C-alpha cells in the first residue's frame, strides 16, 4: 500500500508517469523503505494507463465489495422478555448510576470558578 500511496502522491504532485526512483524518493522522505519488486510490479501494471481511468476502474471494483454494517440486522428472540429479559435492563440502570457518580468525582472538589 505504501508504494501505491507514493505513486498516487507523485501523480497528484504533477508527475504523470513517476519512475521507480521517484517512488523510492517519496518513501524515503518519510523514512519508509521501498521493496524493488513491489515498485517494479506497480509500475508495470500502470504503464501506459491513464490515472483517471485507473481510479474509475478501482472505484467500480470497490463498489462490488460489501462494506458490512448496514446489511447485518440482529433481532432479539421473541421470548426474551418473558424468560427473564428484565434482569439485564436492571443491571444497565445500576451501571449508569455508577458512571454518573464517577463523573462527579472528576473535578476533585475544584470548580471552574473557584
N, C-alpha and C. Protein backbone atom coordinates (compact mmCIF):
# COMPACT_ATOMS: atom_id res chain seq x y z
N UNK A 1 0.81 -1.20 0.00
CA UNK A 1 0.00 0.00 0.00
C UNK A 1 0.86 1.26 0.00
N UNK A 2 1.99 1.20 0.66
CA UNK A 2 2.82 2.41 0.71
C UNK A 2 3.38 2.75 -0.67
N UNK A 3 3.62 1.75 -1.49
CA UNK A 3 4.12 2.00 -2.83
C UNK A 3 3.01 2.64 -3.68
N UNK A 4 1.79 2.14 -3.52
CA UNK A 4 0.65 2.71 -4.23
C UNK A 4 0.44 4.16 -3.78
N UNK A 5 0.53 4.39 -2.47
CA UNK A 5 0.36 5.75 -1.95
C UNK A 5 1.44 6.68 -2.50
N UNK A 6 2.66 6.20 -2.61
CA UNK A 6 3.74 7.02 -3.17
C UNK A 6 3.46 7.33 -4.63
N UNK A 7 2.96 6.35 -5.37
CA UNK A 7 2.60 6.57 -6.77
C UNK A 7 1.51 7.63 -6.89
N UNK A 8 0.49 7.51 -6.06
CA UNK A 8 -0.60 8.49 -6.10
C UNK A 8 -0.11 9.89 -5.74
N UNK A 9 0.76 9.98 -4.76
CA UNK A 9 1.32 11.28 -4.39
C UNK A 9 2.12 11.89 -5.54
N UNK A 10 2.88 11.04 -6.22
CA UNK A 10 3.70 11.54 -7.33
C UNK A 10 2.81 12.05 -8.46
N UNK A 11 1.76 11.30 -8.78
CA UNK A 11 0.88 11.71 -9.87
C UNK A 11 0.12 12.98 -9.48
N UNK A 12 -0.39 13.02 -8.27
CA UNK A 12 -1.11 14.20 -7.82
C UNK A 12 -0.20 15.42 -7.69
N UNK A 13 1.09 15.16 -7.51
CA UNK A 13 2.07 16.24 -7.43
C UNK A 13 2.49 16.78 -8.77
N UNK A 14 1.98 16.20 -9.85
CA UNK A 14 2.28 16.73 -11.18
C UNK A 14 3.14 15.85 -12.05
N UNK A 15 3.54 14.68 -11.58
CA UNK A 15 4.36 13.77 -12.37
C UNK A 15 3.45 12.68 -12.94
N UNK A 16 3.04 12.76 -14.20
CA UNK A 16 2.07 11.81 -14.75
C UNK A 16 2.60 10.38 -14.89
N UNK A 17 3.92 10.21 -14.96
CA UNK A 17 4.48 8.86 -15.05
C UNK A 17 5.74 8.78 -14.18
N UNK A 18 5.55 8.58 -12.88
CA UNK A 18 6.71 8.54 -11.98
C UNK A 18 7.57 7.30 -12.21
N UNK A 19 8.85 7.44 -11.97
CA UNK A 19 9.78 6.32 -12.11
C UNK A 19 9.97 5.63 -10.76
N UNK A 20 10.70 4.55 -10.77
CA UNK A 20 10.99 3.82 -9.53
C UNK A 20 11.79 4.71 -8.58
N UNK A 21 12.69 5.50 -9.13
CA UNK A 21 13.48 6.40 -8.29
C UNK A 21 12.60 7.46 -7.63
N UNK A 22 11.59 7.93 -8.37
CA UNK A 22 10.66 8.91 -7.80
C UNK A 22 9.91 8.32 -6.61
N UNK A 23 9.43 7.10 -6.78
CA UNK A 23 8.67 6.45 -5.71
C UNK A 23 9.56 6.18 -4.49
N UNK A 24 10.78 5.75 -4.75
CA UNK A 24 11.71 5.49 -3.65
C UNK A 24 12.07 6.79 -2.92
N UNK A 25 12.18 7.87 -3.67
CA UNK A 25 12.48 9.17 -3.05
C UNK A 25 11.32 9.62 -2.15
N UNK A 26 10.11 9.44 -2.62
CA UNK A 26 8.94 9.82 -1.81
C UNK A 26 8.88 8.98 -0.55
N UNK A 27 9.06 7.68 -0.67
CA UNK A 27 9.01 6.81 0.50
C UNK A 27 10.18 7.08 1.44
N UNK A 28 11.33 7.36 0.89
CA UNK A 28 12.49 7.65 1.72
C UNK A 28 12.34 8.95 2.50
N UNK A 29 11.57 9.88 1.97
CA UNK A 29 11.38 11.16 2.65
C UNK A 29 10.60 11.02 3.95
N UNK A 30 9.86 9.92 4.09
CA UNK A 30 9.11 9.69 5.34
C UNK A 30 9.71 8.53 6.14
N UNK A 31 10.87 8.07 5.72
CA UNK A 31 11.55 7.03 6.47
C UNK A 31 11.08 5.62 6.17
N UNK A 32 10.34 5.44 5.07
CA UNK A 32 9.87 4.11 4.70
C UNK A 32 10.78 3.53 3.62
N UNK A 33 10.93 2.23 3.67
CA UNK A 33 11.75 1.55 2.67
C UNK A 33 10.86 0.98 1.58
N UNK A 34 11.32 1.03 0.36
CA UNK A 34 10.56 0.50 -0.77
C UNK A 34 11.22 -0.78 -1.26
N UNK A 35 10.40 -1.80 -1.42
CA UNK A 35 10.90 -3.06 -1.98
C UNK A 35 10.91 -2.92 -3.50
N UNK A 36 12.05 -3.21 -4.09
CA UNK A 36 12.21 -3.05 -5.53
C UNK A 36 11.18 -3.86 -6.32
N UNK A 37 10.89 -5.07 -5.86
CA UNK A 37 9.95 -5.94 -6.57
C UNK A 37 8.56 -5.31 -6.62
N UNK A 38 8.11 -4.75 -5.49
CA UNK A 38 6.78 -4.15 -5.45
C UNK A 38 6.70 -2.89 -6.29
N UNK A 39 7.75 -2.10 -6.28
CA UNK A 39 7.78 -0.88 -7.08
C UNK A 39 7.70 -1.24 -8.56
N UNK A 40 8.51 -2.20 -8.99
CA UNK A 40 8.52 -2.61 -10.40
C UNK A 40 7.19 -3.23 -10.79
N UNK A 41 6.58 -4.02 -9.91
CA UNK A 41 5.29 -4.63 -10.20
C UNK A 41 4.23 -3.55 -10.42
N UNK A 42 4.19 -2.57 -9.55
CA UNK A 42 3.22 -1.49 -9.69
C UNK A 42 3.44 -0.73 -10.99
N UNK A 43 4.69 -0.38 -11.26
CA UNK A 43 4.98 0.41 -12.46
C UNK A 43 4.65 -0.36 -13.74
N UNK A 44 4.85 -1.67 -13.75
CA UNK A 44 4.49 -2.44 -14.95
C UNK A 44 2.98 -2.55 -15.10
N UNK A 45 2.25 -2.60 -13.99
CA UNK A 45 0.79 -2.70 -14.06
C UNK A 45 0.14 -1.40 -14.52
N UNK A 46 0.72 -0.27 -14.19
CA UNK A 46 0.11 1.02 -14.54
C UNK A 46 0.73 1.66 -15.77
N UNK A 47 1.72 1.02 -16.36
CA UNK A 47 2.42 1.60 -17.51
C UNK A 47 1.45 1.77 -18.68
N UNK A 48 1.41 2.99 -19.20
CA UNK A 48 0.57 3.27 -20.36
C UNK A 48 -0.90 3.49 -20.03
N UNK A 49 -1.26 3.48 -18.77
CA UNK A 49 -2.67 3.68 -18.39
C UNK A 49 -2.86 5.07 -17.83
N UNK A 50 -4.05 5.61 -18.08
CA UNK A 50 -4.39 6.94 -17.60
C UNK A 50 -4.76 6.87 -16.12
N UNK A 51 -4.27 7.83 -15.35
CA UNK A 51 -4.52 7.86 -13.91
C UNK A 51 -6.01 7.90 -13.59
N UNK A 52 -6.75 8.76 -14.29
CA UNK A 52 -8.19 8.88 -14.03
C UNK A 52 -8.94 7.60 -14.34
N UNK A 53 -8.51 6.88 -15.38
CA UNK A 53 -9.14 5.60 -15.71
C UNK A 53 -8.83 4.55 -14.64
N UNK A 54 -7.62 4.58 -14.11
CA UNK A 54 -7.27 3.65 -13.03
C UNK A 54 -8.14 3.87 -11.80
N UNK A 55 -8.33 5.14 -11.44
CA UNK A 55 -9.16 5.46 -10.29
C UNK A 55 -10.61 5.04 -10.54
N UNK A 56 -11.13 5.30 -11.73
CA UNK A 56 -12.51 4.95 -12.06
C UNK A 56 -12.72 3.44 -12.03
N UNK A 57 -11.77 2.66 -12.58
CA UNK A 57 -11.94 1.21 -12.57
C UNK A 57 -11.81 0.66 -11.15
N UNK A 58 -10.94 1.27 -10.35
CA UNK A 58 -10.82 0.84 -8.95
C UNK A 58 -12.07 1.13 -8.17
N UNK A 59 -12.69 2.27 -8.44
CA UNK A 59 -13.93 2.63 -7.76
C UNK A 59 -15.04 1.65 -8.12
N UNK A 60 -15.10 1.23 -9.39
CA UNK A 60 -16.10 0.25 -9.81
C UNK A 60 -15.90 -1.07 -9.10
N UNK A 61 -14.66 -1.50 -8.97
CA UNK A 61 -14.37 -2.76 -8.30
C UNK A 61 -14.73 -2.68 -6.82
N UNK A 62 -14.44 -1.55 -6.18
CA UNK A 62 -14.76 -1.39 -4.76
C UNK A 62 -16.26 -1.32 -4.50
N UNK A 63 -17.02 -0.85 -5.48
CA UNK A 63 -18.47 -0.76 -5.28
C UNK A 63 -19.10 -2.15 -5.16
N UNK A 64 -18.44 -3.16 -5.70
CA UNK A 64 -18.96 -4.52 -5.63
C UNK A 64 -18.59 -5.22 -4.33
N UNK A 65 -17.70 -4.64 -3.54
CA UNK A 65 -17.25 -5.25 -2.30
C UNK A 65 -18.18 -4.84 -1.17
N UNK A 66 -18.74 -5.82 -0.44
CA UNK A 66 -19.59 -5.44 0.69
C UNK A 66 -18.77 -4.79 1.79
N UNK A 67 -19.28 -3.68 2.31
CA UNK A 67 -18.54 -2.95 3.32
C UNK A 67 -19.02 -3.25 4.73
N UNK A 68 -20.05 -4.06 4.87
CA UNK A 68 -20.53 -4.50 6.18
C UNK A 68 -21.27 -3.44 6.95
N UNK A 69 -21.86 -3.86 8.04
CA UNK A 69 -22.55 -2.94 8.94
C UNK A 69 -24.00 -2.76 8.59
N UNK A 70 -24.32 -2.22 7.44
CA UNK A 70 -25.69 -1.88 7.10
C UNK A 70 -26.53 -3.10 6.79
N UNK A 71 -25.95 -4.14 6.26
CA UNK A 71 -26.72 -5.30 5.86
C UNK A 71 -27.01 -6.25 7.01
N UNK A 72 -26.33 -6.12 8.10
CA UNK A 72 -26.50 -7.03 9.21
C UNK A 72 -27.54 -6.48 10.16
N UNK A 73 -28.57 -7.30 10.41
CA UNK A 73 -29.63 -6.89 11.35
C UNK A 73 -29.76 -7.97 12.41
N UNK A 74 -29.71 -7.57 13.65
CA UNK A 74 -29.82 -8.51 14.75
C UNK A 74 -31.12 -8.23 15.47
N UNK A 75 -31.90 -9.28 15.68
CA UNK A 75 -33.16 -9.10 16.40
C UNK A 75 -33.14 -9.97 17.65
N UNK A 76 -33.79 -9.48 18.69
CA UNK A 76 -33.87 -10.22 19.94
C UNK A 76 -34.86 -11.36 19.78
N UNK A 77 -34.65 -12.48 20.47
CA UNK A 77 -35.60 -13.57 20.40
C UNK A 77 -36.96 -13.13 20.96
N UNK A 78 -38.03 -13.69 20.41
CA UNK A 78 -39.38 -13.28 20.78
C UNK A 78 -39.67 -13.54 22.25
N UNK A 79 -39.16 -14.60 22.81
CA UNK A 79 -39.45 -14.95 24.20
C UNK A 79 -38.45 -14.35 25.17
N UNK A 80 -37.60 -13.47 24.75
CA UNK A 80 -36.55 -12.92 25.60
C UNK A 80 -37.09 -12.17 26.81
N UNK A 81 -38.12 -11.38 26.65
CA UNK A 81 -38.64 -10.58 27.76
C UNK A 81 -39.33 -11.46 28.78
N UNK A 82 -40.00 -12.50 28.34
CA UNK A 82 -40.72 -13.37 29.25
C UNK A 82 -39.78 -14.32 29.98
N UNK A 83 -38.63 -14.55 29.41
CA UNK A 83 -37.69 -15.51 30.00
C UNK A 83 -36.64 -14.81 30.84
N UNK A 84 -37.02 -13.76 31.53
CA UNK A 84 -36.07 -13.09 32.40
C UNK A 84 -35.30 -12.01 31.69
N UNK A 85 -35.86 -11.42 30.66
CA UNK A 85 -35.19 -10.38 29.90
C UNK A 85 -35.06 -9.08 30.68
N UNK A 86 -35.78 -8.93 31.80
CA UNK A 86 -35.72 -7.70 32.57
C UNK A 86 -34.45 -7.56 33.39
N UNK A 87 -33.76 -8.62 33.67
CA UNK A 87 -32.55 -8.57 34.51
C UNK A 87 -31.44 -7.75 33.88
N UNK A 88 -31.14 -7.89 32.60
CA UNK A 88 -30.09 -7.07 32.03
C UNK A 88 -30.42 -5.58 32.07
N UNK A 89 -31.69 -5.24 31.95
CA UNK A 89 -32.07 -3.83 31.99
C UNK A 89 -31.79 -3.24 33.37
N UNK A 90 -32.05 -4.03 34.41
CA UNK A 90 -31.78 -3.56 35.77
C UNK A 90 -30.28 -3.36 35.98
N UNK A 91 -29.48 -4.27 35.42
CA UNK A 91 -28.04 -4.15 35.54
C UNK A 91 -27.54 -2.90 34.81
N UNK A 92 -28.15 -2.60 33.68
CA UNK A 92 -27.75 -1.42 32.92
C UNK A 92 -28.04 -0.15 33.71
N UNK A 93 -29.17 -0.11 34.41
CA UNK A 93 -29.51 1.06 35.22
C UNK A 93 -28.50 1.25 36.34
N UNK A 94 -28.09 0.14 36.97
CA UNK A 94 -27.10 0.23 38.04
C UNK A 94 -25.77 0.74 37.51
N UNK A 95 -25.38 0.30 36.31
CA UNK A 95 -24.13 0.75 35.73
C UNK A 95 -24.18 2.24 35.43
N UNK A 96 -25.33 2.73 34.97
CA UNK A 96 -25.45 4.15 34.68
C UNK A 96 -25.29 4.98 35.94
N UNK A 97 -25.86 4.50 37.05
CA UNK A 97 -25.74 5.21 38.31
C UNK A 97 -24.29 5.29 38.75
N UNK A 98 -23.57 4.19 38.58
CA UNK A 98 -22.17 4.16 38.97
C UNK A 98 -21.37 5.12 38.11
N UNK A 99 -21.62 5.16 36.81
CA UNK A 99 -20.89 6.05 35.92
C UNK A 99 -21.15 7.50 36.26
N UNK A 100 -22.39 7.85 36.58
CA UNK A 100 -22.71 9.23 36.92
C UNK A 100 -21.96 9.65 38.18
N UNK A 101 -21.86 8.75 39.13
CA UNK A 101 -21.19 9.07 40.37
C UNK A 101 -19.70 9.32 40.12
N UNK A 102 -19.10 8.51 39.23
CA UNK A 102 -17.69 8.69 38.91
C UNK A 102 -17.44 10.01 38.19
N UNK A 103 -18.36 10.43 37.36
CA UNK A 103 -18.19 11.67 36.62
C UNK A 103 -18.14 12.87 37.56
N UNK A 104 -18.91 12.82 38.64
CA UNK A 104 -18.93 13.95 39.56
C UNK A 104 -17.62 14.06 40.34
N UNK A 105 -16.85 12.98 40.41
CA UNK A 105 -15.57 13.00 41.12
C UNK A 105 -14.44 13.52 40.25
N UNK A 106 -14.69 13.73 38.97
CA UNK A 106 -13.63 14.16 38.06
C UNK A 106 -13.04 15.52 38.42
N UNK A 107 -13.85 16.43 38.98
CA UNK A 107 -13.32 17.76 39.27
C UNK A 107 -12.55 17.81 40.57
N UNK A 108 -12.58 16.76 41.38
CA UNK A 108 -11.83 16.61 42.63
C UNK A 108 -12.05 17.78 43.60
N UNK A 109 -13.29 18.29 43.61
CA UNK A 109 -13.63 19.34 44.55
C UNK A 109 -13.32 20.74 44.07
N UNK A 110 -12.73 20.87 42.89
CA UNK A 110 -12.43 22.19 42.35
C UNK A 110 -13.48 22.58 41.34
N UNK A 111 -13.91 23.79 41.40
CA UNK A 111 -14.88 24.31 40.46
C UNK A 111 -14.17 25.19 39.46
N UNK A 112 -14.78 25.39 38.35
CA UNK A 112 -14.20 26.22 37.30
C UNK A 112 -14.08 27.67 37.76
N UNK A 113 -14.97 28.10 38.66
CA UNK A 113 -14.99 29.50 39.07
C UNK A 113 -14.43 29.71 40.48
N UNK A 114 -13.77 28.75 41.09
CA UNK A 114 -13.19 28.92 42.43
C UNK A 114 -11.87 29.65 42.38
